[in-house]
Each structure stands twice: as C-alpha cells, then as structure tokens.
Amino acid sequence: MGLGVIQNGRHVTAIDILVPAYDVRRVHAVIAQRLSDRGYDAVLVGVDTPGMPKILNNLLSLERRFLRIRANTLLKPAENFHLSAARPEARLRIDLTGGRAKAASPFLGPVFAGQVCLGRAAQLLMQGFLPDVEIRLDGKHSVAHAAPMIDSRLSIVRGLNDMWARVATLLVDKADRYLRGEIAGHMPAATVTRAVCPTSAQMVGAYVFSTIPRQASGTMRRLGSRLHRWRVSYRFHKGNRVADSGLLAGEPWMTLPDDGKRFYADPFPFEWQGRNFIFVEEFPNNASKALISVAEIASDGTPSVPQPIIERPHHFSYPNVFSHDGQIWMLPEQGSSGNLTLYRAEAFPHRWVEHSVIIPGRELFDATLLKHGGRLWLFATERDGYGSSSDMLVVYHAASLEGPWIPHPGNPVRIDRAAARPGGQFIRVGERIVLPLQDGTDGYGGGLGLADLVELDEHTVHLTQPVPLLSSAKMPYPKIHTLNSSEHLEVIDCLDPTPRIGFRGVS
C-alpha cells in the first residue's frame, strides 16, 4: 500500500479513480473533484477497457433528442479532464470500469442490483424496476447500500442520472471513511459478481417493449389528469390522532376547498390565542413555483380562503411553523435557493420577516426540528448537487436555533426512497418519538409512513423503517403525503387525480 504524495510540502493521500480511457463521463470528474475538495490527491486513471455499451449510448442520445433533455446529466461526456498514469503510491482505488480493470486492492466499486455492469441497471430502469446500488470493498465486502429515488420513471437518461448521483455520494463518503480508518472489522461478504451485461438486442427490446409503452401511457395520463394535484384535509381530533392508532379512521375529515386554479399541499396547523390556522403551500396552475399561504379554521370547521403571506423568486413549500423561546418561527422548504432560511413572525399570522440563514450553501428539503437531549436537531433531505431531493437523509444539531448547526458525523444517515424525506413534524406518542417519512417507491407523493426514533445523539442516529399509513374508506384519495397535528387540529394532504374537465371535492 502506498503512502501518498507530497504537495506543497505536505503529505496528501493519493486516490486513483479508474475510468475507461475513451469514455470519460461527467460523473467521473465530479467524484474526482469532490475527493479533491476533501483534501485528497484524486486523479482519473485511464484504463483500456470498454466504456458504456454503444447501444445504450445510442438509446440515451435518442432519448435526449426525443424528450428534449438539455440538462448536464452525470452521464454526459466529461469536458476539460486530464488522465493520469496509475500510481503505486495510491492508498485507494475506485473502479468505475464495470469491474474490467482488475484493480489492485484496496479498491471500491459500485454494484447495481447485484451486477457490476451499468448496462444491467439501465435495462432494469427500462423495464420499470428501481435498482438498488451498493458499494463494495475489493469486490466482496459490502460497505454501503442505497435505494435511490428515481424522480422520472419514464426517462432512462434522468433515471440513470438519479442513480449515479447517489453512487457518487456514496463513493466519496466511503472512500473518505475508509482512509480515516472508519471501515474496518467485520463486513458482510457479498457474492462476487462477474460483469454480465445484457446484449444489445436485450436492451433494445427492453426499451421498445417496456419504456416506450410506459412513456406513451404517461403522456395519456398527463393529458387526462392533473399531475401532482393535492388536497388538504383536516379535522378536530379528540386525542386519538393518526400517530396514536396508525390509522386514518376516526373523526371525519374536512377538505380545504380551492377554486380549481391552484392546489394546496404541505399543511402545518398552529394554534394561537384560541384560534386555529393552517399554513400551506399554494401552487397556482399557471405558475412555475409555489408560495406560502395561511387559512383560519373556525370552531365549526369552516375555513377561510387561504391568503398568501410569503413569496420569493424561488419555490416555497413545507411551511414548518413552530414556537420557540417565546416567538413564532417558520422554516419553509426552499432548497432551490441553496440556503436554509429561518423566518420570524412579525405580525402573526400574515407578516413574516427573514431572520437568518441558519445553514448556507446546502440544498436542504423539508427541514424538520426536534428538541431532544438538551440540543436542537434538524432532519432533512439533501440533493447533493445532482439527483433526487427525496432520498438522502441528513441530520444537523445545534445548541440554539440560530446555530451554528453542526452536520452529524453519520451523514448521510440513509439513502432510501421509502424512508428518508420528512413528511411532517416529529410527534410524541407517549414515550415514543415518531417521524412521518415520505415513501417514494411508487413515485413522489406515493405514500407516507411513521418511523420511531430509537436513538439520537452526537454519534448515532437510529430510526426504524417506517410503518405505512394506509388510506381509509373515508378518504377517497389514495396517496398520503404529509401528516401534522396541533393540540386540537390534525391535517394531512393527499394526491387527487381529478380530471381536467370538471371538478369534484371530497364527499
């Protein structure tokens, strides 16, 4: 094992990233840059091995033209890169050749649904499956597992981008941990997998007979229904909340009406001076972004028309309203801004001011707070530059609301499309602490589950796998997305496949 290199008079650990010499992709350069940003001497080493299968490359190019995909996805050819020779002083190698490079130990490499071949992952995506990814050490020890969220199930270009985004996240994280001596001891062995790739005919068949029909079906659905049209429902509870029973049954639900020109989602209730309010994301049909609105709920359940209260140039949602230190605050989702900004109520409930940016330079989504063990904790998902905003759970902690907020050493806590993105505030159920988590297995907004917080401190984050919440006969909309409750009011939102022609409410 090499000892590293000397740069500017100091020792720097060397990492070789093995890539096909004639098929260097953007993701390869991103991994190298991220490792360099962490202080490693990471270089791309060109290996005379086949790159992406030609037929797959052709299918991706065709799809880009047909679907007019112009984004700089991770699998686009890299630009302005430099290839180096293999270095005996490298302390770690990352094999991105599909297992063809015969990398010297120690090395890390990705595995897709049990195969080292990228073409196999692409074939599964074409067939409508969601392949998990794994990082293995020396091809036989599993050191990381992830179930990436695939936001676009009808585009292989976008699907592979979402998958490779999390491969990049895991490779950088595990390389760092390995070199710091945090991956050691007993590791589960994996079945050594040969690079068995589908034939060109198999990939063409998967695309023609599975992908294209699903794309056509998706187009028909878009023509006939409102995509992602959400309905907010609420009820006054009598101490028997959804989190207590795990059921949506009980007192009947009422629905926050809309005029058909917008939808409401991400409801958060708040009680103030004996009055009940619901803060919501409001998304007008003809807009490209959402804003935050508030409605008051009368004692008989009658709602006021939601009134806009916060609008900015970027998207707003998830209006997490809470009280702390005698003031009322809001921590909305605004991941596209690149900052997590805290708002304070200047004149509740309609006037809010930006108080401070508590976590700058991070794309954080649906940040959810918990006071526990004498500290404040923040759970959110992070996009990490590429890929989905719904699959990578990160945790921060601080002594005060304004910070400084410290990233948990276990980040990313998990990468799981079914158990990462918060879907509401923490709920205390007796001695239990429960966190609603979104389930994206069937797509964004596909479901919601309740996970128990088992252990939380500055070294450990342990959440159970969520138990799904199922709709009931009293709820005609099948997919639950958010769950919140105050002392007397409980709120949820659901996906409503209302046809474009006509309008129907909750019966």
Protein backbone atom coordinates (compact mmCIF):
# COMPACT_ATOMS: atom_id res chain seq x y z
CA MET A 1 0.00 0.00 0.00
CA GLY A 2 1.31 3.42 -0.98
CA LEU A 3 1.82 6.19 1.49
CA GLY A 4 0.58 9.06 -0.67
CA VAL A 5 2.24 12.03 -2.33
CA ILE A 6 3.82 15.30 -1.26
CA GLN A 7 2.07 18.53 -2.38
CA ASN A 8 3.30 21.98 -1.35
CA GLY A 9 5.46 20.46 1.33
CA ARG A 10 2.75 18.35 2.95
CA HIS A 11 1.66 14.75 2.73
CA VAL A 12 -1.50 14.19 0.69
CA THR A 13 -3.24 10.84 0.38
CA ALA A 14 -3.43 9.64 -3.23
CA ILE A 15 -6.57 8.09 -4.74
CA ASP A 16 -6.66 6.63 -8.26
CA ILE A 17 -10.06 6.65 -10.00
CA LEU A 18 -10.03 4.05 -12.77
CA VAL A 19 -12.18 5.01 -15.78
CA PRO A 20 -12.48 3.84 -19.40
CA ALA A 21 -9.80 5.82 -21.22
CA TYR A 22 -12.03 6.61 -24.22
CA ASP A 23 -15.32 7.12 -22.39
CA VAL A 24 -14.84 9.58 -19.54
CA ARG A 25 -18.17 10.78 -18.15
CA ARG A 26 -19.12 13.84 -16.13
CA VAL A 27 -19.74 11.69 -13.05
CA HIS A 28 -16.10 10.54 -13.10
CA ALA A 29 -14.88 14.13 -12.97
CA VAL A 30 -17.40 15.02 -10.25
CA ILE A 31 -16.17 12.21 -8.00
CA ALA A 32 -12.55 13.27 -8.51
CA GLN A 33 -13.36 16.90 -7.76
CA ARG A 34 -15.29 16.08 -4.60
CA LEU A 35 -12.45 13.95 -3.27
CA SER A 36 -10.00 16.74 -4.12
CA ASP A 37 -12.22 19.18 -2.23
CA ARG A 38 -11.84 16.92 0.82
CA GLY A 39 -8.07 17.20 0.65
CA TYR A 40 -7.15 14.07 -1.30
CA ASP A 41 -4.94 13.86 -4.37
CA ALA A 42 -7.59 12.26 -6.58
CA VAL A 43 -6.85 11.70 -10.28
CA LEU A 44 -8.55 9.97 -13.18
CA VAL A 45 -6.59 7.00 -14.47
CA GLY A 46 -7.48 5.92 -17.99
CA VAL A 47 -7.77 2.17 -18.47
CA ASP A 48 -8.01 0.45 -21.86
CA THR A 49 -11.41 -1.11 -21.21
CA PRO A 50 -14.80 -0.76 -22.92
CA GLY A 51 -16.94 2.12 -21.74
CA MET A 52 -20.69 2.46 -21.89
CA PRO A 53 -22.23 -0.09 -24.29
CA LYS A 54 -22.65 1.51 -27.71
CA ILE A 55 -26.32 0.58 -27.94
CA LEU A 56 -27.04 2.17 -24.56
CA ASN A 57 -25.21 5.33 -25.57
CA ASN A 58 -27.30 5.45 -28.76
CA LEU A 59 -30.55 4.97 -26.84
CA LEU A 60 -29.63 7.75 -24.42
CA SER A 61 -28.75 10.10 -27.28
CA LEU A 62 -32.05 9.29 -29.00
CA GLU A 63 -34.00 9.93 -25.82
CA ARG A 64 -32.26 13.25 -25.23
CA ARG A 65 -33.38 14.40 -28.67
CA PHE A 66 -36.90 12.99 -28.42
CA LEU A 67 -37.59 14.27 -24.88
CA ARG A 68 -35.53 17.46 -25.40
CA ILE A 69 -33.32 16.80 -22.38
CA ARG A 70 -30.67 19.51 -22.29
CA ALA A 71 -29.57 19.22 -18.66
CA ASN A 72 -25.95 18.44 -17.88
CA THR A 73 -26.63 14.99 -16.54
CA LEU A 74 -23.89 12.98 -14.90
CA LEU A 75 -23.55 10.53 -17.79
CA LYS A 76 -22.81 13.16 -20.41
CA PRO A 77 -19.21 13.06 -21.74
CA ALA A 78 -16.80 14.94 -19.49
CA GLU A 79 -15.07 18.10 -20.66
CA ASN A 80 -11.67 19.54 -19.72
CA PHE A 81 -10.46 16.44 -17.92
CA HIS A 82 -6.94 15.05 -17.52
CA LEU A 83 -5.98 11.38 -17.42
CA SER A 84 -3.02 10.25 -15.32
CA ALA A 85 -0.99 7.08 -15.13
CA ALA A 86 -1.64 4.59 -12.34
CA ARG A 87 0.36 5.38 -9.22
CA PRO A 88 1.90 2.77 -6.92
CA GLU A 89 1.64 5.29 -4.06
CA ALA A 90 -2.16 5.40 -4.27
CA ARG A 91 -3.68 4.24 -0.99
CA LEU A 92 -7.08 3.56 -2.52
CA ARG A 93 -8.53 2.94 -5.95
CA ILE A 94 -12.06 3.50 -7.17
CA ASP A 95 -13.02 1.21 -10.04
CA LEU A 96 -15.54 2.80 -12.43
CA THR A 97 -14.82 0.44 -15.31
CA GLY A 98 -17.53 -2.08 -14.53
CA GLY A 99 -15.08 -4.47 -12.92
CA ARG A 100 -12.92 -4.80 -16.03
CA ALA A 101 -9.82 -3.01 -14.73
CA LYS A 102 -8.66 -5.69 -12.29
CA ALA A 103 -7.89 -3.01 -9.74
CA ALA A 104 -5.31 -3.72 -7.09
CA SER A 105 -6.51 -3.98 -3.51
CA PRO A 106 -7.82 -1.94 -1.78
CA PHE A 107 -10.47 -0.66 -4.15
CA LEU A 108 -14.09 0.49 -4.04
CA GLY A 109 -16.62 -0.04 -6.80
CA PRO A 110 -20.36 0.25 -7.39
CA VAL A 111 -22.74 -2.65 -7.87
CA PHE A 112 -26.18 -2.21 -9.45
CA ALA A 113 -28.89 -4.69 -8.45
CA GLY A 114 -26.18 -7.29 -7.79
CA GLN A 115 -24.30 -6.64 -11.04
CA VAL A 116 -21.20 -4.56 -11.70
CA CYS A 117 -22.41 -3.82 -15.23
CA LEU A 118 -24.04 -0.41 -15.80
CA GLY A 119 -26.00 -1.85 -18.71
CA ARG A 120 -27.87 -4.14 -16.32
CA ALA A 121 -29.03 -1.17 -14.25
CA ALA A 122 -30.15 0.61 -17.42
CA GLN A 123 -32.05 -2.49 -18.55
CA LEU A 124 -33.89 -2.67 -15.22
CA LEU A 125 -34.85 1.01 -15.45
CA MET A 126 -36.12 0.44 -18.99
CA GLN A 127 -38.31 -2.37 -17.63
CA GLY A 128 -39.77 -0.14 -14.91
CA PHE A 129 -37.79 -1.53 -11.96
CA LEU A 130 -35.90 0.53 -9.37
CA PRO A 131 -32.43 -0.97 -8.92
CA ASP A 132 -30.67 -0.54 -5.59
CA VAL A 133 -26.99 0.33 -5.56
CA GLU A 134 -24.19 -1.00 -3.39
CA ILE A 135 -20.57 -0.04 -2.75
CA ARG A 136 -18.18 -2.94 -2.29
CA LEU A 137 -14.63 -3.06 -0.99
CA ASP A 138 -12.33 -5.31 -3.03
CA GLY A 139 -15.39 -6.63 -4.85
CA LYS A 140 -16.53 -8.78 -1.93
CA HIS A 141 -17.30 -6.67 1.14
CA SER A 142 -20.44 -4.59 1.14
CA VAL A 143 -19.75 -1.22 2.81
CA ALA A 144 -22.81 0.78 1.72
CA HIS A 145 -26.29 0.21 0.35
CA ALA A 146 -28.78 2.66 -1.08
CA ALA A 147 -32.22 2.69 -2.65
CA PRO A 148 -32.06 5.84 -4.79
CA MET A 149 -35.19 7.77 -5.61
CA ILE A 150 -35.87 7.85 -9.33
CA ASP A 151 -37.88 11.02 -9.87
CA SER A 152 -38.57 10.45 -13.56
CA ARG A 153 -39.61 6.84 -14.18
CA LEU A 154 -40.17 7.41 -17.91
CA SER A 155 -36.73 8.75 -18.86
CA ILE A 156 -33.70 6.47 -18.81
CA VAL A 157 -31.41 9.50 -19.08
CA ARG A 158 -32.88 11.07 -15.95
CA GLY A 159 -33.23 7.73 -14.16
CA LEU A 160 -29.57 6.85 -14.62
CA ASN A 161 -28.64 10.37 -13.51
CA ASP A 162 -30.58 9.94 -10.26
CA MET A 163 -28.94 6.59 -9.63
CA TRP A 164 -25.40 7.75 -10.40
CA ALA A 165 -25.88 10.83 -8.22
CA ARG A 166 -26.13 8.58 -5.19
CA VAL A 167 -23.31 6.34 -6.38
CA ALA A 168 -21.12 9.45 -6.42
CA THR A 169 -22.30 10.44 -2.94
CA LEU A 170 -21.56 7.01 -1.51
CA LEU A 171 -18.20 6.53 -3.22
CA VAL A 172 -16.87 9.85 -1.93
CA ASP A 173 -18.21 9.22 1.57
CA LYS A 174 -16.93 5.64 1.82
CA ALA A 175 -13.53 6.49 0.35
CA ASP A 176 -13.17 9.20 2.99
CA ARG A 177 -14.29 6.88 5.79
CA TYR A 178 -12.03 4.05 4.65
CA LEU A 179 -8.97 6.28 4.58
CA ARG A 180 -9.82 7.63 8.04
CA GLY A 181 -9.98 4.07 9.37
CA GLU A 182 -13.74 4.01 9.92
CA ILE A 183 -14.41 0.98 7.72
CA ALA A 184 -12.83 -1.94 9.45
CA GLY A 185 -13.60 -5.05 11.34
CA HIS A 186 -16.30 -7.45 10.25
CA MET A 187 -18.01 -6.50 7.00
CA PRO A 188 -20.71 -8.57 5.36
CA ALA A 189 -19.40 -10.59 2.45
CA ALA A 190 -21.13 -10.32 -0.88
CA THR A 191 -21.33 -12.78 -3.70
CA VAL A 192 -18.55 -11.94 -6.14
CA THR A 193 -20.32 -10.84 -9.30
CA ARG A 194 -18.99 -11.08 -12.83
CA ALA A 195 -19.68 -8.28 -15.29
CA VAL A 196 -22.61 -9.92 -17.03
CA CYS A 197 -24.12 -7.31 -19.31
CA PRO A 198 -27.32 -7.57 -21.35
CA THR A 199 -26.90 -7.90 -25.08
CA SER A 200 -27.74 -5.09 -27.49
CA ALA A 201 -30.89 -6.95 -28.50
CA GLN A 202 -31.98 -7.30 -24.87
CA MET A 203 -31.56 -3.56 -24.22
CA VAL A 204 -33.35 -2.57 -27.42
CA GLY A 205 -36.14 -4.99 -26.55
CA ALA A 206 -36.48 -3.57 -23.04
CA TYR A 207 -36.68 -0.03 -24.41
CA VAL A 208 -39.10 -0.79 -27.25
CA PHE A 209 -41.44 -3.14 -25.40
CA SER A 210 -41.37 -1.54 -21.92
CA THR A 211 -40.02 2.01 -21.87
CA ILE A 212 -41.84 3.36 -24.93
CA PRO A 213 -45.27 1.93 -23.91
CA ARG A 214 -44.85 3.40 -20.43
CA GLN A 215 -43.86 6.77 -21.92
CA ALA A 216 -46.97 6.69 -24.12
CA SER A 217 -49.16 5.75 -21.16
CA GLY A 218 -47.63 8.55 -19.09
CA THR A 219 -48.37 11.05 -21.84
CA MET A 220 -52.02 9.96 -21.92
CA ARG A 221 -52.27 10.33 -18.16
CA ARG A 222 -50.86 13.85 -18.36
CA LEU A 223 -53.43 14.76 -20.99
CA GLY A 224 -56.28 13.41 -18.92
CA SER A 225 -55.47 14.41 -15.38
CA ARG A 226 -53.84 16.99 -13.20
CA LEU A 227 -50.40 15.87 -12.18
CA HIS A 228 -49.50 16.34 -8.55
CA ARG A 229 -52.78 18.00 -7.62
CA TRP A 230 -53.01 17.89 -3.88
CA ARG A 231 -55.92 18.29 -1.49
CA VAL A 232 -55.53 19.34 2.14
CA SER A 233 -57.81 17.64 4.64
CA TYR A 234 -58.24 18.45 8.34
CA ARG A 235 -60.23 17.55 11.41
CA PHE A 236 -60.52 18.41 15.06
CA HIS A 237 -59.28 15.40 16.96
CA LYS A 238 -60.22 14.29 20.45
CA GLY A 239 -56.85 12.90 21.48
CA ASN A 240 -56.99 9.98 19.06
CA ARG A 241 -54.55 11.11 16.39
CA VAL A 242 -53.36 9.19 13.36
CA ALA A 243 -49.97 8.72 15.04
CA ASP A 244 -51.65 7.15 18.09
CA SER A 245 -53.51 4.47 16.14
CA GLY A 246 -51.62 4.29 12.86
CA LEU A 247 -54.99 4.64 11.11
CA LEU A 248 -56.76 7.42 9.22
CA ALA A 249 -60.10 6.35 10.61
CA GLY A 250 -61.93 8.22 13.41
CA GLU A 251 -63.44 11.68 13.22
CA PRO A 252 -64.46 12.64 9.66
CA TRP A 253 -62.09 14.72 7.57
CA MET A 254 -62.98 18.05 6.01
CA THR A 255 -61.29 19.43 2.93
CA LEU A 256 -59.78 22.84 2.32
CA PRO A 257 -61.56 23.94 -0.89
CA ASP A 258 -59.83 25.52 -3.86
CA ASP A 259 -61.13 27.27 -6.97
CA GLY A 260 -59.65 24.77 -9.43
CA LYS A 261 -56.96 27.26 -10.44
CA ARG A 262 -54.47 26.16 -7.77
CA PHE A 263 -53.79 23.42 -5.31
CA TYR A 264 -52.81 23.39 -1.64
CA ALA A 265 -50.35 20.98 -0.02
CA ASP A 266 -47.89 20.51 2.88
CA PRO A 267 -50.30 21.63 5.65
CA PHE A 268 -48.99 22.69 9.07
CA PRO A 269 -51.52 23.60 11.82
CA PHE A 270 -50.82 26.18 14.50
CA GLU A 271 -52.98 27.31 17.43
CA TRP A 272 -52.67 30.92 18.59
CA GLN A 273 -54.79 32.76 21.13
CA GLY A 274 -57.58 30.21 20.88
CA ARG A 275 -57.66 30.36 17.06
CA ASN A 276 -56.67 27.61 14.62
CA PHE A 277 -54.65 28.22 11.47
CA ILE A 278 -53.36 26.01 8.69
CA PHE A 279 -50.25 27.10 6.78
CA VAL A 280 -49.99 25.57 3.31
CA GLU A 281 -48.00 25.51 0.12
CA GLU A 282 -50.09 27.22 -2.58
CA PHE A 283 -49.31 26.38 -6.22
CA PRO A 284 -51.30 28.26 -8.90
CA ASN A 285 -51.85 26.22 -12.07
CA ASN A 286 -50.24 28.82 -14.29
CA ALA A 287 -47.18 29.38 -12.08
CA SER A 288 -43.74 27.79 -12.13
CA LYS A 289 -43.26 27.91 -8.37
CA ALA A 290 -45.24 27.80 -5.15
CA LEU A 291 -45.70 30.26 -2.29
CA ILE A 292 -46.83 30.06 1.34
CA SER A 293 -50.43 30.86 2.35
CA VAL A 294 -52.49 30.66 5.55
CA ALA A 295 -56.15 29.89 6.27
CA GLU A 296 -58.06 30.17 9.54
CA ILE A 297 -60.33 27.32 10.61
CA ALA A 298 -63.43 28.31 12.58
CA SER A 299 -64.63 26.25 15.52
CA ASP A 300 -67.26 24.57 13.30
CA GLY A 301 -64.58 23.59 10.77
CA THR A 302 -65.34 26.33 8.22
CA PRO A 303 -62.12 27.53 6.55
CA SER A 304 -61.27 30.99 5.34
CA VAL A 305 -59.83 31.43 1.87
CA PRO A 306 -56.04 30.93 2.14
CA GLN A 307 -54.14 34.21 1.88
CA PRO A 308 -50.58 34.43 0.50
CA ILE A 309 -48.02 35.51 3.13
CA ILE A 310 -44.54 34.70 1.73
CA GLU A 311 -43.47 34.79 -1.91
CA ARG A 312 -39.93 34.89 -3.24
CA PRO A 313 -38.27 34.33 -6.65
CA HIS A 314 -37.74 30.66 -5.78
CA HIS A 315 -40.04 27.79 -4.88
CA PHE A 316 -41.59 27.69 -1.38
CA SER A 317 -43.30 24.76 0.35
CA TYR A 318 -43.42 22.81 3.64
CA PRO A 319 -44.25 25.82 5.93
CA ASN A 320 -42.94 24.31 9.17
CA VAL A 321 -44.36 26.72 11.79
CA PHE A 322 -43.40 26.36 15.45
CA SER A 323 -42.89 28.34 18.64
CA HIS A 324 -39.53 28.65 20.37
CA ASP A 325 -38.23 30.97 23.08
CA GLY A 326 -41.47 32.93 23.16
CA GLN A 327 -41.58 33.65 19.43
CA ILE A 328 -43.23 32.07 16.39
CA TRP A 329 -40.96 30.86 13.61
CA MET A 330 -41.21 29.24 10.21
CA LEU A 331 -38.65 27.03 8.48
CA PRO A 332 -40.02 26.56 4.95
CA GLU A 333 -38.60 24.36 2.22
CA GLN A 334 -36.65 26.47 -0.25
CA GLY A 335 -33.96 24.04 -1.38
CA SER A 336 -33.66 25.63 -4.82
CA SER A 337 -32.33 28.81 -3.18
CA GLY A 338 -29.29 26.93 -1.84
CA ASN A 339 -29.83 28.25 1.70
CA LEU A 340 -31.92 27.16 4.67
CA THR A 341 -33.52 30.40 5.90
CA LEU A 342 -35.37 30.93 9.17
CA TYR A 343 -38.40 33.28 9.21
CA ARG A 344 -39.90 35.05 12.22
CA ALA A 345 -43.50 36.19 12.66
CA GLU A 346 -43.50 39.98 12.89
CA ALA A 347 -47.30 40.19 12.99
CA PHE A 348 -48.77 36.69 13.21
CA PRO A 349 -50.11 35.11 11.04
CA HIS A 350 -49.72 37.34 7.96
CA ARG A 351 -46.42 39.19 8.23
CA TRP A 352 -43.10 37.37 8.32
CA VAL A 353 -39.51 38.55 8.03
CA GLU A 354 -36.32 36.75 7.11
CA HIS A 355 -34.45 36.28 10.38
CA SER A 356 -31.27 34.47 9.39
CA VAL A 357 -29.74 31.87 7.11
CA ILE A 358 -29.04 29.03 9.52
CA ILE A 359 -27.40 26.61 7.03
CA PRO A 360 -25.91 28.28 3.95
CA GLY A 361 -24.86 26.70 0.69
CA ARG A 362 -26.80 23.44 1.03
CA GLU A 363 -29.82 22.18 -0.93
CA LEU A 364 -31.92 21.00 2.03
CA PHE A 365 -35.54 19.91 1.73
CA ASP A 366 -38.36 19.63 4.27
CA ALA A 367 -36.23 20.53 7.29
CA THR A 368 -37.88 19.27 10.48
CA LEU A 369 -36.84 20.23 14.01
CA LEU A 370 -36.72 18.29 17.26
CA LYS A 371 -35.68 19.33 20.76
CA HIS A 372 -34.00 16.32 22.33
CA GLY A 373 -31.28 15.64 24.88
CA GLY A 374 -30.68 19.33 25.58
CA ARG A 375 -29.98 20.16 21.92
CA LEU A 376 -31.88 21.08 18.80
CA TRP A 377 -31.85 18.59 15.93
CA LEU A 378 -32.70 19.14 12.29
CA PHE A 379 -33.66 16.32 9.92
CA ALA A 380 -33.87 16.98 6.17
CA THR A 381 -33.04 15.51 2.80
CA GLU A 382 -30.21 16.89 0.69
CA ARG A 383 -29.93 16.85 -3.08
CA ASP A 384 -26.12 16.89 -3.08
CA GLY A 385 -25.86 18.69 -6.40
CA TYR A 386 -27.45 16.05 -8.62
CA GLY A 387 -30.24 13.54 -8.46
CA SER A 388 -33.35 13.48 -6.34
CA SER A 389 -34.23 15.70 -3.39
CA SER A 390 -36.19 12.88 -1.73
CA ASP A 391 -33.80 10.03 -0.87
CA MET A 392 -30.82 11.21 1.21
CA LEU A 393 -31.45 11.90 4.90
CA VAL A 394 -29.04 14.22 6.72
CA VAL A 395 -29.07 15.43 10.31
CA TYR A 396 -27.69 18.59 11.93
CA HIS A 397 -27.59 19.68 15.57
CA ALA A 398 -27.09 22.94 17.45
CA ALA A 399 -27.27 24.40 20.93
CA SER A 400 -29.58 27.22 19.77
CA LEU A 401 -31.98 27.85 16.92
CA GLU A 402 -29.64 30.29 15.19
CA GLY A 403 -26.78 27.79 15.29
CA PRO A 404 -24.10 27.14 14.46
CA TRP A 405 -25.62 23.97 13.02
CA ILE A 406 -23.18 21.06 13.00
CA PRO A 407 -23.54 18.23 10.47
CA HIS A 408 -23.87 14.82 12.08
CA PRO A 409 -20.81 12.58 11.52
CA GLY A 410 -23.13 9.83 10.29
CA ASN A 411 -24.35 11.87 7.29
CA PRO A 412 -25.77 10.67 5.03
CA VAL A 413 -27.81 8.78 7.61
CA ARG A 414 -29.57 6.76 4.91
CA ILE A 415 -30.29 6.84 1.20
CA ASP A 416 -33.71 5.32 0.82
CA ARG A 417 -36.57 6.41 -1.42
CA ALA A 418 -39.04 4.93 1.08
CA ALA A 419 -37.62 6.23 4.34
CA ALA A 420 -35.65 9.48 4.09
CA ARG A 421 -37.69 12.62 3.36
CA PRO A 422 -39.66 14.03 6.32
CA GLY A 423 -43.40 14.31 5.83
CA GLY A 424 -44.27 16.39 8.87
CA GLN A 425 -43.13 17.38 12.34
CA PHE A 426 -41.95 14.93 14.97
CA ILE A 427 -44.85 13.55 17.02
CA ARG A 428 -44.64 12.43 20.64
CA VAL A 429 -46.76 9.34 21.30
CA GLY A 430 -46.39 8.52 24.99
CA GLU A 431 -42.69 7.74 25.44
CA ARG A 432 -42.17 7.32 21.68
CA ILE A 433 -40.91 9.96 19.26
CA VAL A 434 -42.33 9.41 15.78
CA LEU A 435 -41.29 10.99 12.48
CA PRO A 436 -43.52 10.85 9.38
CA LEU A 437 -41.43 9.86 6.34
CA GLN A 438 -42.41 10.05 2.69
CA ASP A 439 -42.43 6.85 0.64
CA GLY A 440 -41.38 7.43 -2.97
CA THR A 441 -41.45 3.79 -4.06
CA ASP A 442 -44.46 4.49 -6.30
CA GLY A 443 -43.18 7.95 -7.23
CA TYR A 444 -43.10 11.30 -5.45
CA GLY A 445 -46.04 11.58 -3.06
CA GLY A 446 -46.65 7.88 -3.31
CA GLY A 447 -47.19 7.32 0.40
CA LEU A 448 -46.31 8.11 3.99
CA GLY A 449 -45.05 6.02 6.89
CA LEU A 450 -44.32 6.52 10.59
CA ALA A 451 -40.82 5.76 11.89
CA ASP A 452 -39.77 5.57 15.54
CA LEU A 453 -36.71 7.47 16.68
CA VAL A 454 -34.83 4.84 18.68
CA GLU A 455 -31.53 6.61 19.39
CA LEU A 456 -30.22 10.10 18.75
CA ASP A 457 -27.03 11.71 19.99
CA GLU A 458 -23.89 13.31 18.56
CA HIS A 459 -22.62 9.89 17.43
CA THR A 460 -25.71 7.88 16.48
CA VAL A 461 -28.96 8.33 14.56
CA HIS A 462 -31.26 5.33 14.61
CA LEU A 463 -34.71 5.43 13.01
CA THR A 464 -36.84 2.36 12.44
CA GLN A 465 -38.16 1.61 8.98
CA PRO A 466 -41.48 3.40 8.66
CA VAL A 467 -44.82 1.64 9.02
CA PRO A 468 -47.01 2.72 6.08
CA LEU A 469 -50.15 4.77 6.60
CA LEU A 470 -53.00 3.44 4.53
CA SER A 471 -55.95 5.42 3.27
CA SER A 472 -59.43 4.58 4.51
CA ALA A 473 -62.91 4.44 3.05
CA LYS A 474 -63.48 7.95 4.37
CA MET A 475 -60.57 9.24 2.26
CA PRO A 476 -61.22 8.92 -1.49
CA TYR A 477 -57.66 9.95 -2.36
CA PRO A 478 -55.25 7.04 -2.06
CA LYS A 479 -51.84 8.64 -1.50
CA ILE A 480 -50.94 10.38 1.78
CA HIS A 481 -48.06 12.85 1.65
CA THR A 482 -47.93 14.92 4.88
CA LEU A 483 -49.17 14.46 8.45
CA ASN A 484 -49.17 17.11 11.17
CA SER A 485 -51.15 17.91 14.30
CA SER A 486 -51.55 20.65 16.91
CA GLU A 487 -53.32 20.39 20.25
CA HIS A 488 -56.76 20.17 18.64
CA LEU A 489 -56.29 20.11 14.86
CA GLU A 490 -54.90 17.36 12.65
CA VAL A 491 -54.03 17.80 8.96
CA ILE A 492 -52.99 15.65 6.01
CA ASP A 493 -52.64 16.11 2.28
CA CYS A 494 -53.48 13.58 -0.42
CA LEU A 495 -52.97 13.20 -4.13
CA ASP A 496 -56.14 13.84 -6.08
CA PRO A 497 -56.32 12.52 -9.68
CA THR A 498 -59.07 14.97 -10.62
CA PRO A 499 -59.80 15.10 -14.37
CA ARG A 500 -59.05 18.36 -16.13
CA ILE A 501 -62.64 18.62 -17.27
CA GLY A 502 -64.93 19.11 -14.32
CA PHE A 503 -64.11 19.30 -10.63
CA ARG A 504 -65.02 17.25 -7.63
CA GLY A 505 -64.45 17.67 -3.95
CA VAL A 506 -64.26 15.30 -1.02
CA SER A 507 -67.52 13.52 -0.38
